[in-house]
C-alpha atoms as a PDB file:
ATOM      1  CA  MET A   1      17.171  17.307 -29.188  1.00  0.00           C
ATOM      2  CA  LEU A   2      18.804  16.616 -25.813  1.00  0.00           C
ATOM      3  CA  HIS A   3      16.838  14.770 -23.232  1.00  0.00           C
ATOM      4  CA  ILE A   4      16.650  17.410 -20.461  1.00  0.00           C
ATOM      5  CA  THR A   5      14.095  17.680 -17.688  1.00  0.00           C
ATOM      6  CA  ARG A   6      12.768  21.207 -17.918  1.00  0.00           C
ATOM      7  CA  PRO A   7      12.704  23.036 -14.547  1.00  0.00           C
ATOM      8  CA  GLU A   8       9.482  24.753 -13.470  1.00  0.00           C
ATOM      9  CA  VAL A   9      11.346  28.002 -13.440  1.00  0.00           C
ATOM     10  CA  PRO A  10      14.876  28.886 -14.669  1.00  0.00           C
ATOM     11  CA  GLU A  11      17.461  29.181 -11.889  1.00  0.00           C
ATOM     12  CA  THR A  12      18.481  32.878 -11.570  1.00  0.00           C
ATOM     13  CA  ILE A  13      22.236  33.336 -11.099  1.00  0.00           C
ATOM     14  CA  GLY A  14      23.517  36.674  -9.797  1.00  0.00           C
ATOM     15  CA  PHE A  15      26.899  38.041 -10.969  1.00  0.00           C
ATOM     16  CA  LEU A  16      28.396  40.616  -8.647  1.00  0.00           C
ATOM     17  CA  LEU A  17      30.878  42.745 -10.561  1.00  0.00           C
ATOM     18  CA  THR A  18      33.502  44.693  -8.752  1.00  0.00           C
ATOM     19  CA  PRO A  19      35.684  47.464 -10.187  1.00  0.00           C
ATOM     20  CA  SER A  20      38.399  46.183 -12.668  1.00  0.00           C
ATOM     21  CA  PHE A  21      36.775  42.794 -12.775  1.00  0.00           C
ATOM     22  CA  SER A  22      38.118  40.237 -15.355  1.00  0.00           C
ATOM     23  CA  MET A  23      36.002  40.441 -18.545  1.00  0.00           C
ATOM     24  CA  MET A  24      37.439  37.081 -19.644  1.00  0.00           C
ATOM     25  CA  ALA A  25      36.372  35.286 -16.473  1.00  0.00           C
ATOM     26  CA  PHE A  26      32.974  37.002 -16.446  1.00  0.00           C
ATOM     27  CA  THR A  27      32.068  36.083 -20.048  1.00  0.00           C
ATOM     28  CA  ALA A  28      33.507  32.557 -19.527  1.00  0.00           C
ATOM     29  CA  SER A  29      31.017  32.189 -16.687  1.00  0.00           C
ATOM     30  CA  ILE A  30      27.889  33.611 -18.227  1.00  0.00           C
ATOM     31  CA  GLU A  31      28.199  32.235 -21.791  1.00  0.00           C
ATOM     32  CA  PRO A  32      27.909  28.575 -20.844  1.00  0.00           C
ATOM     33  CA  LEU A  33      24.559  29.348 -19.190  1.00  0.00           C
ATOM     34  CA  ARG A  34      23.309  31.020 -22.419  1.00  0.00           C
ATOM     35  CA  SER A  35      24.502  28.170 -24.521  1.00  0.00           C
ATOM     36  CA  ALA A  36      22.997  25.536 -22.081  1.00  0.00           C
ATOM     37  CA  ASN A  37      19.588  27.129 -22.637  1.00  0.00           C
ATOM     38  CA  ARG A  38      20.038  27.112 -26.390  1.00  0.00           C
ATOM     39  CA  MET A  39      21.320  23.548 -26.648  1.00  0.00           C
ATOM     40  CA  SER A  40      18.690  22.136 -24.224  1.00  0.00           C
ATOM     41  CA  GLY A  41      15.804  23.969 -25.883  1.00  0.00           C
ATOM     42  CA  HIS A  42      14.677  25.089 -22.418  1.00  0.00           C
ATOM     43  CA  ALA A  43      15.120  28.145 -20.140  1.00  0.00           C
ATOM     44  CA  LEU A  44      17.403  26.349 -17.573  1.00  0.00           C
ATOM     45  CA  TYR A  45      19.170  29.532 -16.447  1.00  0.00           C
ATOM     46  CA  ASP A  46      18.484  33.266 -16.029  1.00  0.00           C
ATOM     47  CA  TRP A  47      20.978  35.783 -14.726  1.00  0.00           C
ATOM     48  CA  GLN A  48      21.275  39.239 -13.329  1.00  0.00           C
ATOM     49  CA  VAL A  49      24.269  41.507 -13.146  1.00  0.00           C
ATOM     50  CA  VAL A  50      24.684  43.244  -9.726  1.00  0.00           C
ATOM     51  CA  THR A  51      26.826  46.186  -8.832  1.00  0.00           C
ATOM     52  CA  LYS A  52      27.026  48.047  -5.569  1.00  0.00           C
ATOM     53  CA  ASP A  53      24.944  50.991  -6.670  1.00  0.00           C
ATOM     54  CA  GLY A  54      23.381  49.687  -9.808  1.00  0.00           C
ATOM     55  CA  ASN A  55      25.594  51.764 -12.068  1.00  0.00           C
ATOM     56  CA  PRO A  56      27.770  50.364 -14.782  1.00  0.00           C
ATOM     57  CA  VAL A  57      31.257  49.162 -13.690  1.00  0.00           C
ATOM     58  CA  ASN A  58      34.454  49.059 -15.764  1.00  0.00           C
ATOM     59  CA  ALA A  59      36.260  45.853 -16.274  1.00  0.00           C
ATOM     60  CA  SER A  60      40.086  45.669 -16.148  1.00  0.00           C
ATOM     61  CA  ASN A  61      40.113  46.207 -19.989  1.00  0.00           C
ATOM     62  CA  GLY A  62      38.195  49.484 -19.575  1.00  0.00           C
ATOM     63  CA  LEU A  63      34.911  48.337 -20.999  1.00  0.00           C
ATOM     64  CA  ALA A  64      31.829  49.280 -18.995  1.00  0.00           C
ATOM     65  CA  THR A  65      29.167  46.622 -18.202  1.00  0.00           C
ATOM     66  CA  MET A  66      25.601  47.576 -17.507  1.00  0.00           C
ATOM     67  CA  ALA A  67      23.993  46.415 -14.215  1.00  0.00           C
ATOM     68  CA  SER A  68      20.553  44.793 -13.814  1.00  0.00           C
ATOM     69  CA  THR A  69      20.299  45.926 -10.187  1.00  0.00           C
ATOM     70  CA  SER A  70      22.029  47.161  -7.136  1.00  0.00           C
ATOM     71  CA  ILE A  71      22.884  45.280  -3.898  1.00  0.00           C
ATOM     72  CA  ALA A  72      20.109  47.310  -2.132  1.00  0.00           C
ATOM     73  CA  GLU A  73      17.437  46.193  -4.600  1.00  0.00           C
ATOM     74  CA  ALA A  74      18.694  42.719  -5.565  1.00  0.00           C
ATOM     75  CA  ARG A  75      16.624  39.764  -4.846  1.00  0.00           C
ATOM     76  CA  HIS A  76      17.830  36.624  -2.998  1.00  0.00           C
ATOM     77  CA  PHE A  77      19.734  34.486  -5.441  1.00  0.00           C
ATOM     78  CA  PRO A  78      19.952  30.677  -5.408  1.00  0.00           C
ATOM     79  CA  THR A  79      23.547  30.978  -6.746  1.00  0.00           C
ATOM     80  CA  LEU A  80      25.802  34.128  -6.705  1.00  0.00           C
ATOM     81  CA  ILE A  81      29.176  34.487  -8.359  1.00  0.00           C
ATOM     82  CA  VAL A  82      31.567  37.345  -7.419  1.00  0.00           C
ATOM     83  CA  CYS A  83      33.612  38.549 -10.396  1.00  0.00           C
ATOM     84  CA  ALA A  84      36.840  40.438  -9.500  1.00  0.00           C
ATOM     85  CA  GLY A  85      40.171  41.186 -11.126  1.00  0.00           C
ATOM     86  CA  LEU A  86      42.971  43.683 -10.658  1.00  0.00           C
ATOM     87  CA  ASP A  87      43.822  45.368  -7.254  1.00  0.00           C
ATOM     88  CA  VAL A  88      41.354  43.139  -5.411  1.00  0.00           C
ATOM     89  CA  HIS A  89      43.384  43.652  -2.233  1.00  0.00           C
ATOM     90  CA  LEU A  90      42.227  47.263  -2.170  1.00  0.00           C
ATOM     91  CA  PHE A  91      38.572  46.262  -2.147  1.00  0.00           C
ATOM     92  CA  ARG A  92      37.265  46.812   1.323  1.00  0.00           C
ATOM     93  CA  ASP A  93      33.600  47.700   0.922  1.00  0.00           C
ATOM     94  CA  LYS A  94      31.850  46.752   4.135  1.00  0.00           C
ATOM     95  CA  GLU A  95      28.362  47.249   2.608  1.00  0.00           C
ATOM     96  CA  VAL A  96      29.199  44.635  -0.032  1.00  0.00           C
ATOM     97  CA  PHE A  97      30.698  42.278   2.479  1.00  0.00           C
ATOM     98  CA  SER A  98      27.520  42.490   4.594  1.00  0.00           C
ATOM     99  CA  TRP A  99      25.293  41.858   1.595  1.00  0.00           C
ATOM    100  CA  LEU A 100      27.307  38.791   0.660  1.00  0.00           C
ATOM    101  CA  ARG A 101      27.010  37.459   4.249  1.00  0.00           C
ATOM    102  CA  ARG A 102      23.245  38.008   4.176  1.00  0.00           C
ATOM    103  CA  GLN A 103      23.012  36.128   0.898  1.00  0.00           C
ATOM    104  CA  ALA A 104      24.953  33.281   2.471  1.00  0.00           C
ATOM    105  CA  ARG A 105      22.777  33.189   5.590  1.00  0.00           C
ATOM    106  CA  ASN A 106      19.758  32.830   3.268  1.00  0.00           C
ATOM    107  CA  GLY A 107      21.249  29.685   1.786  1.00  0.00           C
ATOM    108  CA  THR A 108      22.753  31.122  -1.377  1.00  0.00           C
ATOM    109  CA  ARG A 109      25.510  29.046  -3.023  1.00  0.00           C
ATOM    110  CA  ILE A 110      28.299  31.512  -3.482  1.00  0.00           C
ATOM    111  CA  GLY A 111      31.216  31.302  -5.931  1.00  0.00           C
ATOM    112  CA  ALA A 112      33.947  33.473  -7.175  1.00  0.00           C
ATOM    113  CA  VAL A 113      35.992  33.756 -10.301  1.00  0.00           C
ATOM    114  CA  CYS A 114      39.532  35.030 -10.908  1.00  0.00           C
ATOM    115  CA  THR A 115      40.385  37.028  -7.765  1.00  0.00           C
ATOM    116  CA  GLY A 116      36.862  37.017  -6.350  1.00  0.00           C
ATOM    117  CA  SER A 117      38.084  34.486  -3.670  1.00  0.00           C
ATOM    118  CA  HIS A 118      39.872  37.399  -2.014  1.00  0.00           C
ATOM    119  CA  ILE A 119      36.566  39.175  -1.519  1.00  0.00           C
ATOM    120  CA  LEU A 120      34.895  36.047  -0.221  1.00  0.00           C
ATOM    121  CA  ALA A 121      37.688  35.584   2.247  1.00  0.00           C
ATOM    122  CA  ARG A 122      37.573  39.215   3.478  1.00  0.00           C
ATOM    123  CA  ALA A 123      33.784  38.854   4.000  1.00  0.00           C
ATOM    124  CA  GLY A 124      34.417  35.764   6.163  1.00  0.00           C
ATOM    125  CA  LEU A 125      32.802  33.378   3.737  1.00  0.00           C
ATOM    126  CA  LEU A 126      35.633  31.028   3.130  1.00  0.00           C
ATOM    127  CA  GLU A 127      36.317  29.915   6.710  1.00  0.00           C
ATOM    128  CA  ASN A 128      36.651  26.140   6.846  1.00  0.00           C
ATOM    129  CA  HIS A 129      36.253  25.949   3.115  1.00  0.00           C
ATOM    130  CA  ARG A 130      38.942  25.032   0.440  1.00  0.00           C
ATOM    131  CA  CYS A 131      39.337  27.519  -2.392  1.00  0.00           C
ATOM    132  CA  THR A 132      41.502  28.553  -5.273  1.00  0.00           C
ATOM    133  CA  ILE A 133      42.448  31.849  -6.902  1.00  0.00           C
ATOM    134  CA  HIS A 134      44.529  32.964  -9.897  1.00  0.00           C
ATOM    135  CA  TRP A 135      48.096  31.682  -9.557  1.00  0.00           C
ATOM    136  CA  GLU A 136      49.531  35.135  -9.545  1.00  0.00           C
ATOM    137  CA  ASN A 137      47.483  36.053  -6.531  1.00  0.00           C
ATOM    138  CA  ILE A 138      48.120  32.933  -4.371  1.00  0.00           C
ATOM    139  CA  PRO A 139      51.249  34.355  -2.544  1.00  0.00           C
ATOM    140  CA  GLY A 140      49.377  37.509  -1.475  1.00  0.00           C
ATOM    141  CA  PHE A 141      46.308  35.480  -0.548  1.00  0.00           C
ATOM    142  CA  THR A 142      48.172  33.099   1.634  1.00  0.00           C
ATOM    143  CA  GLU A 143      49.934  35.890   3.412  1.00  0.00           C
ATOM    144  CA  GLU A 144      46.703  37.694   4.248  1.00  0.00           C
ATOM    145  CA  PHE A 145      44.595  34.538   4.939  1.00  0.00           C
ATOM    146  CA  PRO A 146      47.026  31.922   6.309  1.00  0.00           C
ATOM    147  CA  ASP A 147      44.240  29.851   7.835  1.00  0.00           C
ATOM    148  CA  ILE A 148      42.334  29.340   4.579  1.00  0.00           C
ATOM    149  CA  GLU A 149      43.209  26.337   2.484  1.00  0.00           C
ATOM    150  CA  VAL A 150      44.001  27.565  -0.999  1.00  0.00           C
ATOM    151  CA  THR A 151      45.105  25.302  -3.874  1.00  0.00           C
ATOM    152  CA  SER A 152      46.608  25.931  -7.349  1.00  0.00           C
ATOM    153  CA  ASP A 153      43.958  23.827  -9.030  1.00  0.00           C
ATOM    154  CA  VAL A 154      41.772  25.145 -11.913  1.00  0.00           C
ATOM    155  CA  PHE A 155      38.619  25.270  -9.723  1.00  0.00           C
ATOM    156  CA  GLU A 156      37.465  24.088  -6.307  1.00  0.00           C
ATOM    157  CA  ILE A 157      33.966  23.069  -5.185  1.00  0.00           C
ATOM    158  CA  ASP A 158      33.586  22.728  -1.478  1.00  0.00           C
ATOM    159  CA  ARG A 159      30.010  22.442  -0.167  1.00  0.00           C
ATOM    160  CA  GLY A 160      28.222  25.799  -0.688  1.00  0.00           C
ATOM    161  CA  ARG A 161      31.360  27.537  -2.052  1.00  0.00           C
ATOM    162  CA  PHE A 162      32.842  27.197  -5.535  1.00  0.00           C
ATOM    163  CA  THR A 163      35.829  29.184  -6.817  1.00  0.00           C
ATOM    164  CA  CYS A 164      37.992  29.166  -9.927  1.00  0.00           C
ATOM    165  CA  SER A 165      41.327  30.606 -10.873  1.00  0.00           C
ATOM    166  CA  GLY A 166      40.007  32.889 -13.625  1.00  0.00           C
ATOM    167  CA  GLY A 167      40.307  33.175 -17.381  1.00  0.00           C
ATOM    168  CA  THR A 168      39.201  30.063 -19.264  1.00  0.00           C
ATOM    169  CA  ALA A 169      39.080  28.151 -15.936  1.00  0.00           C
ATOM    170  CA  ALA A 170      35.604  29.812 -15.408  1.00  0.00           C
ATOM    171  CA  LEU A 171      34.359  27.987 -18.570  1.00  0.00           C
ATOM    172  CA  ASP A 172      35.590  24.624 -17.137  1.00  0.00           C
ATOM    173  CA  MET A 173      33.977  25.255 -13.784  1.00  0.00           C
ATOM    174  CA  MET A 174      30.599  26.334 -15.214  1.00  0.00           C
ATOM    175  CA  LEU A 175      30.557  23.342 -17.536  1.00  0.00           C
ATOM    176  CA  HIS A 176      31.204  21.097 -14.466  1.00  0.00           C
ATOM    177  CA  LEU A 177      28.406  22.716 -12.584  1.00  0.00           C
ATOM    178  CA  ILE A 178      25.981  22.386 -15.581  1.00  0.00           C
ATOM    179  CA  GLY A 179      26.944  18.711 -15.778  1.00  0.00           C
ATOM    180  CA  LEU A 180      26.190  18.117 -12.121  1.00  0.00           C
ATOM    181  CA  GLN A 181      22.632  19.521 -12.734  1.00  0.00           C
ATOM    182  CA  TYR A 182      21.820  18.349 -16.164  1.00  0.00           C
ATOM    183  CA  GLY A 183      24.216  15.574 -17.233  1.00  0.00           C
ATOM    184  CA  HIS A 184      27.251  14.961 -19.411  1.00  0.00           C
ATOM    185  CA  GLU A 185      25.378  15.111 -22.641  1.00  0.00           C
ATOM    186  CA  LEU A 186      24.439  18.816 -22.184  1.00  0.00           C
ATOM    187  CA  THR A 187      27.909  19.686 -20.910  1.00  0.00           C
ATOM    188  CA  THR A 188      29.493  18.114 -24.004  1.00  0.00           C
ATOM    189  CA  ALA A 189      27.101  19.931 -26.267  1.00  0.00           C
ATOM    190  CA  VAL A 190      27.912  23.266 -24.759  1.00  0.00           C
ATOM    191  CA  SER A 191      31.663  22.531 -24.737  1.00  0.00           C
ATOM    192  CA  ASP A 192      31.480  21.724 -28.481  1.00  0.00           C
ATOM    193  CA  GLN A 193      29.833  25.054 -29.146  1.00  0.00           C
ATOM    194  CA  PHE A 194      32.851  26.791 -27.741  1.00  0.00           C
ATOM    195  CA  ILE A 195      35.373  24.689 -29.616  1.00  0.00           C
ATOM    196  CA  HIS A 196      36.489  23.563 -26.127  1.00  0.00           C
ATOM    197  CA  ASP A 197      37.864  20.048 -26.754  1.00  0.00           C
ATOM    198  CA  ARG A 198      38.766  19.024 -23.144  1.00  0.00           C
ATOM    199  CA  ILE A 199      36.870  19.987 -20.057  1.00  0.00           C
ATOM    200  CA  ARG A 200      39.391  20.320 -17.245  1.00  0.00           C
ATOM    201  CA  GLY A 201      38.478  18.833 -13.939  1.00  0.00           C
ATOM    202  CA  PRO A 202      38.776  20.358 -10.479  1.00  0.00           C
ATOM    203  CA  ASN A 203      42.096  18.717  -9.867  1.00  0.00           C
ATOM    204  CA  ASP A 204      43.862  19.976 -12.930  1.00  0.00           C
ATOM    205  CA  HIS A 205      46.523  22.588 -12.263  1.00  0.00           C
ATOM    206  CA  GLN A 206      46.312  26.173 -13.417  1.00  0.00           C
ATOM    207  CA  ARG A 207      49.776  26.635 -14.896  1.00  0.00           C
ATOM    208  CA  MET A 208      51.627  24.800 -17.653  1.00  0.00           C
ATOM    209  CA  THR A 209      54.334  22.424 -16.480  1.00  0.00           C
ATOM    210  CA  LEU A 210      57.798  23.859 -15.921  1.00  0.00           C
ATOM    211  CA  GLN A 211      58.999  21.961 -19.010  1.00  0.00           C
ATOM    212  CA  ALA A 212      56.383  23.669 -21.192  1.00  0.00           C
ATOM    213  CA  ARG A 213      56.895  27.079 -19.557  1.00  0.00           C
ATOM    214  CA  LEU A 214      60.698  27.060 -19.943  1.00  0.00           C
ATOM    215  CA  GLY A 215      61.022  24.908 -23.067  1.00  0.00           C
ATOM    216  CA  VAL A 216      63.514  22.744 -21.208  1.00  0.00           C
ATOM    217  CA  ARG A 217      63.580  18.958 -20.927  1.00  0.00           C
ATOM    218  CA  ASP A 218      66.596  18.396 -18.639  1.00  0.00           C
ATOM    219  CA  THR A 219      65.007  16.666 -15.603  1.00  0.00           C
ATOM    220  CA  LYS A 220      67.738  17.738 -13.190  1.00  0.00           C
ATOM    221  CA  LEU A 221      67.491  21.400 -14.151  1.00  0.00           C
ATOM    222  CA  LEU A 222      63.649  21.234 -13.897  1.00  0.00           C
ATOM    223  CA  SER A 223      63.981  19.600 -10.438  1.00  0.00           C
ATOM    224  CA  VAL A 224      66.295  22.434  -9.223  1.00  0.00           C
ATOM    225  CA  ILE A 225      63.933  25.144 -10.599  1.00  0.00           C
ATOM    226  CA  GLY A 226      60.924  23.444  -8.979  1.00  0.00           C
ATOM    227  CA  GLN A 227      62.801  23.433  -5.623  1.00  0.00           C
ATOM    228  CA  MET A 228      63.662  27.159  -6.081  1.00  0.00           C
ATOM    229  CA  GLU A 229      60.008  28.058  -6.675  1.00  0.00           C
ATOM    230  CA  SER A 230      58.937  26.134  -3.649  1.00  0.00           C
ATOM    231  CA  ASN A 231      61.603  27.767  -1.331  1.00  0.00           C
ATOM    232  CA  LEU A 232      61.443  31.496  -1.821  1.00  0.00           C
ATOM    233  CA  GLU A 233      61.037  32.478   1.791  1.00  0.00           C
ATOM    234  CA  GLU A 234      63.952  30.459   2.932  1.00  0.00           C
ATOM    235  CA  PRO A 235      66.295  30.127  -0.129  1.00  0.00           C
ATOM    236  CA  LEU A 236      68.262  27.015  -0.505  1.00  0.00           C
ATOM    237  CA  LEU A 237      72.011  27.111  -0.835  1.00  0.00           C
ATOM    238  CA  ARG A 238      73.538  26.464  -4.242  1.00  0.00           C
ATOM    239  CA  GLY A 239      75.366  23.416  -2.859  1.00  0.00           C
ATOM    240  CA  GLU A 240      72.126  22.004  -1.457  1.00  0.00           C
ATOM    241  CA  LEU A 241      70.464  22.417  -4.829  1.00  0.00           C
ATOM    242  CA  ALA A 242      73.322  20.728  -6.685  1.00  0.00           C
ATOM    243  CA  ASP A 243      73.462  17.852  -4.146  1.00  0.00           C
ATOM    244  CA  SER A 244      69.731  17.204  -4.521  1.00  0.00           C
ATOM    245  CA  VAL A 245      70.189  16.251  -8.170  1.00  0.00           C
ATOM    246  CA  SER A 246      73.693  14.587  -7.733  1.00  0.00           C
ATOM    247  CA  LEU A 247      75.564  17.404  -9.493  1.00  0.00           C
ATOM    248  CA  SER A 248      78.513  19.491  -8.559  1.00  0.00           C
ATOM    249  CA  THR A 249      77.985  23.221  -8.265  1.00  0.00           C
ATOM    250  CA  ARG A 250      80.015  23.697 -11.437  1.00  0.00           C
ATOM    251  CA  GLN A 251      77.886  21.277 -13.381  1.00  0.00           C
ATOM    252  CA  LEU A 252      74.823  23.028 -12.145  1.00  0.00           C
ATOM    253  CA  GLU A 253      76.158  26.354 -13.288  1.00  0.00           C
ATOM    254  CA  ARG A 254      76.800  24.954 -16.713  1.00  0.00           C
ATOM    255  CA  LEU A 255      73.215  23.709 -16.985  1.00  0.00           C
ATOM    256  CA  PHE A 256      71.796  27.082 -16.146  1.00  0.00           C
ATOM    257  CA  ARG A 257      74.047  28.845 -18.548  1.00  0.00           C
ATOM    258  CA  LYS A 258      73.342  26.324 -21.354  1.00  0.00           C
ATOM    259  CA  TYR A 259      69.498  26.278 -21.125  1.00  0.00           C
ATOM    260  CA  LEU A 260      68.571  29.599 -19.436  1.00  0.00           C
ATOM    261  CA  GLY A 261      71.579  31.863 -20.096  1.00  0.00           C
ATOM    262  CA  SER A 262      71.815  32.691 -16.449  1.00  0.00           C
ATOM    263  CA  THR A 263      73.396  31.520 -13.238  1.00  0.00           C
ATOM    264  CA  PRO A 264      71.586  29.721 -10.413  1.00  0.00           C
ATOM    265  CA  LYS A 265      72.229  32.691  -8.207  1.00  0.00           C
ATOM    266  CA  HIS A 266      70.724  35.176 -10.550  1.00  0.00           C
ATOM    267  CA  TYR A 267      67.907  32.976 -11.611  1.00  0.00           C
ATOM    268  CA  TYR A 268      66.892  32.333  -8.005  1.00  0.00           C
ATOM    269  CA  LEU A 269      67.154  36.077  -7.188  1.00  0.00           C
ATOM    270  CA  ASP A 270      64.865  36.865 -10.110  1.00  0.00           C
ATOM    271  CA  LEU A 271      62.224  34.431  -8.821  1.00  0.00           C
ATOM    272  CA  ARG A 272      62.365  36.021  -5.361  1.00  0.00           C
ATOM    273  CA  LEU A 273      62.161  39.565  -6.674  1.00  0.00           C
ATOM    274  CA  ARG A 274      59.199  38.725  -8.907  1.00  0.00           C
ATOM    275  CA  ARG A 275      57.452  37.247  -6.015  1.00  0.00           C
ATOM    276  CA  ALA A 276      58.206  40.406  -4.002  1.00  0.00           C
ATOM    277  CA  ARG A 277      56.703  42.517  -6.784  1.00  0.00           C
ATOM    278  CA  GLN A 278      53.464  40.525  -6.714  1.00  0.00           C
ATOM    279  CA  LEU A 279      53.249  41.049  -2.969  1.00  0.00           C
ATOM    280  CA  LEU A 280      53.902  44.764  -3.193  1.00  0.00           C
ATOM    281  CA  LEU A 281      51.303  45.252  -5.800  1.00  0.00           C
ATOM    282  CA  GLN A 282      48.618  42.801  -4.429  1.00  0.00           C
ATOM    283  CA  THR A 283      48.827  43.208  -0.698  1.00  0.00           C
ATOM    284  CA  ASN A 284      49.157  45.710   2.047  1.00  0.00           C
ATOM    285  CA  MET A 285      52.187  44.023   3.598  1.00  0.00           C
ATOM    286  CA  SER A 286      54.952  46.302   4.796  1.00  0.00           C
ATOM    287  CA  VAL A 287      58.153  46.482   2.696  1.00  0.00           C
ATOM    288  CA  LEU A 288      59.998  44.670   5.509  1.00  0.00           C
ATOM    289  CA  ASP A 289      57.402  41.899   5.664  1.00  0.00           C
ATOM    290  CA  VAL A 290      57.593  41.494   1.893  1.00  0.00           C
ATOM    291  CA  ALA A 291      61.400  41.330   2.127  1.00  0.00           C
ATOM    292  CA  LEU A 292      61.223  38.514   4.767  1.00  0.00           C
ATOM    293  CA  ALA A 293      58.611  36.638   2.885  1.00  0.00           C
ATOM    294  CA  CYS A 294      60.976  36.454  -0.160  1.00  0.00           C
ATOM    295  CA  GLY A 295      64.082  35.455   1.672  1.00  0.00           C
ATOM    296  CA  PHE A 296      65.854  38.811   2.334  1.00  0.00           C
ATOM    297  CA  VAL A 297      67.371  39.499   5.644  1.00  0.00           C
ATOM    298  CA  SER A 298      66.685  43.198   5.824  1.00  0.00           C
ATOM    299  CA  ALA A 299      64.598  45.871   4.138  1.00  0.00           C
ATOM    300  CA  SER A 300      67.730  47.743   2.967  1.00  0.00           C
ATOM    301  CA  HIS A 301      69.277  44.745   1.234  1.00  0.00           C
ATOM    302  CA  PHE A 302      65.968  43.949  -0.417  1.00  0.00           C
ATOM    303  CA  SER A 303      65.509  47.592  -1.555  1.00  0.00           C
ATOM    304  CA  LYS A 304      69.031  47.643  -3.032  1.00  0.00           C
ATOM    305  CA  CYS A 305      68.379  44.351  -4.982  1.00  0.00           C
ATOM    306  CA  TYR A 306      64.913  45.468  -6.038  1.00  0.00           C
ATOM    307  CA  ARG A 307      66.210  48.784  -7.454  1.00  0.00           C
ATOM    308  CA  GLU A 308      69.026  47.116  -9.320  1.00  0.00           C
ATOM    309  CA  HIS A 309      66.533  44.666 -10.859  1.00  0.00           C
ATOM    310  CA  PHE A 310      63.460  46.921 -11.627  1.00  0.00           C
ATOM    311  CA  ASP A 311      65.083  50.348 -11.651  1.00  0.00           C
ATOM    312  CA  LYS A 312      62.809  51.580  -8.827  1.00  0.00           C
ATOM    313  CA  THR A 313      62.611  51.015  -5.106  1.00  0.00           C
ATOM    314  CA  PRO A 314      59.830  48.947  -3.484  1.00  0.00           C
ATOM    315  CA  ARG A 315      58.166  52.124  -2.261  1.00  0.00           C
ATOM    316  CA  GLU A 316      58.375  53.703  -5.686  1.00  0.00           C
ATOM    317  CA  GLU A 317      56.742  50.606  -7.060  1.00  0.00           C
ATOM    318  CA  ARG A 318      53.949  50.886  -4.515  1.00  0.00           C
ATOM    319  CA  ARG A 319      53.398  54.535  -5.546  1.00  0.00           C
ATOM    320  CA  THR A 320      52.472  53.475  -9.120  1.00  0.00           C
ATOM    321  CA  LEU A 321      49.140  52.258  -7.648  1.00  0.00           C
ATOM    322  CA  ALA A 322      48.240  55.660  -6.205  1.00  0.00           C
END
């Protein structure tokens, strides 16, 4: 039996579910609490599922989750976690934002998983706090909230706010929080239950390395691609990229064709257009603003390139959300 000091009462954690929330991130947040109770032999945690009106809400996979209570009837929670997912930029419910702010004023520690950071930011709860969000949503988040410090780390804990990038990162964050309260022994026992052989820390990065993602080991090619990914708004010239790794433009062309079956120009354009697609689908930015944010000099040039690449215009892409 683990040596855990049993609390007088379990800590009740609220989980606010918003439409199209990530089921993966939600279950990865709640299951460690259940397991911590089981492995310790004590009721360390309790939890309630909250929705705006107390009705079930569908996850992004279409499965409905029952609610314990509504925001109107919910108690004050010591800890509250916002679970969001797809189309979070469309969530603008003032009643929910007000409820979150009331919880914060009453001293609640407030967290978010997956894209829940977007909701906290729109509610004004991330001002002067560091946060993270799913890597796919970072570009849109930084465009809408340029004054909030957002990182690409697995999770962030900054005073009364804690956020994670989603998916299995929620498991790492919850294990970390359990460890802060009840120690490494319990954290390890819970981790073993989930066949989770390495608990990532807050400074681990979300995404695999470029080498792992691309299956490429050439250091010069990886350096150039890294520079491309970091300079989408103001694209670097092909000559600048080649010079940065002491290659001629012809040598750089050969590297791209050998390992990626593409040219530097087309690879760079693909990166910029994919970033543009993320911004179109995840923000309310105008088509012109999206174009400029991805290094295009005009909306017309951007639309032409976008249609050639995705077989639809940026506006047609946006209409798929309607």
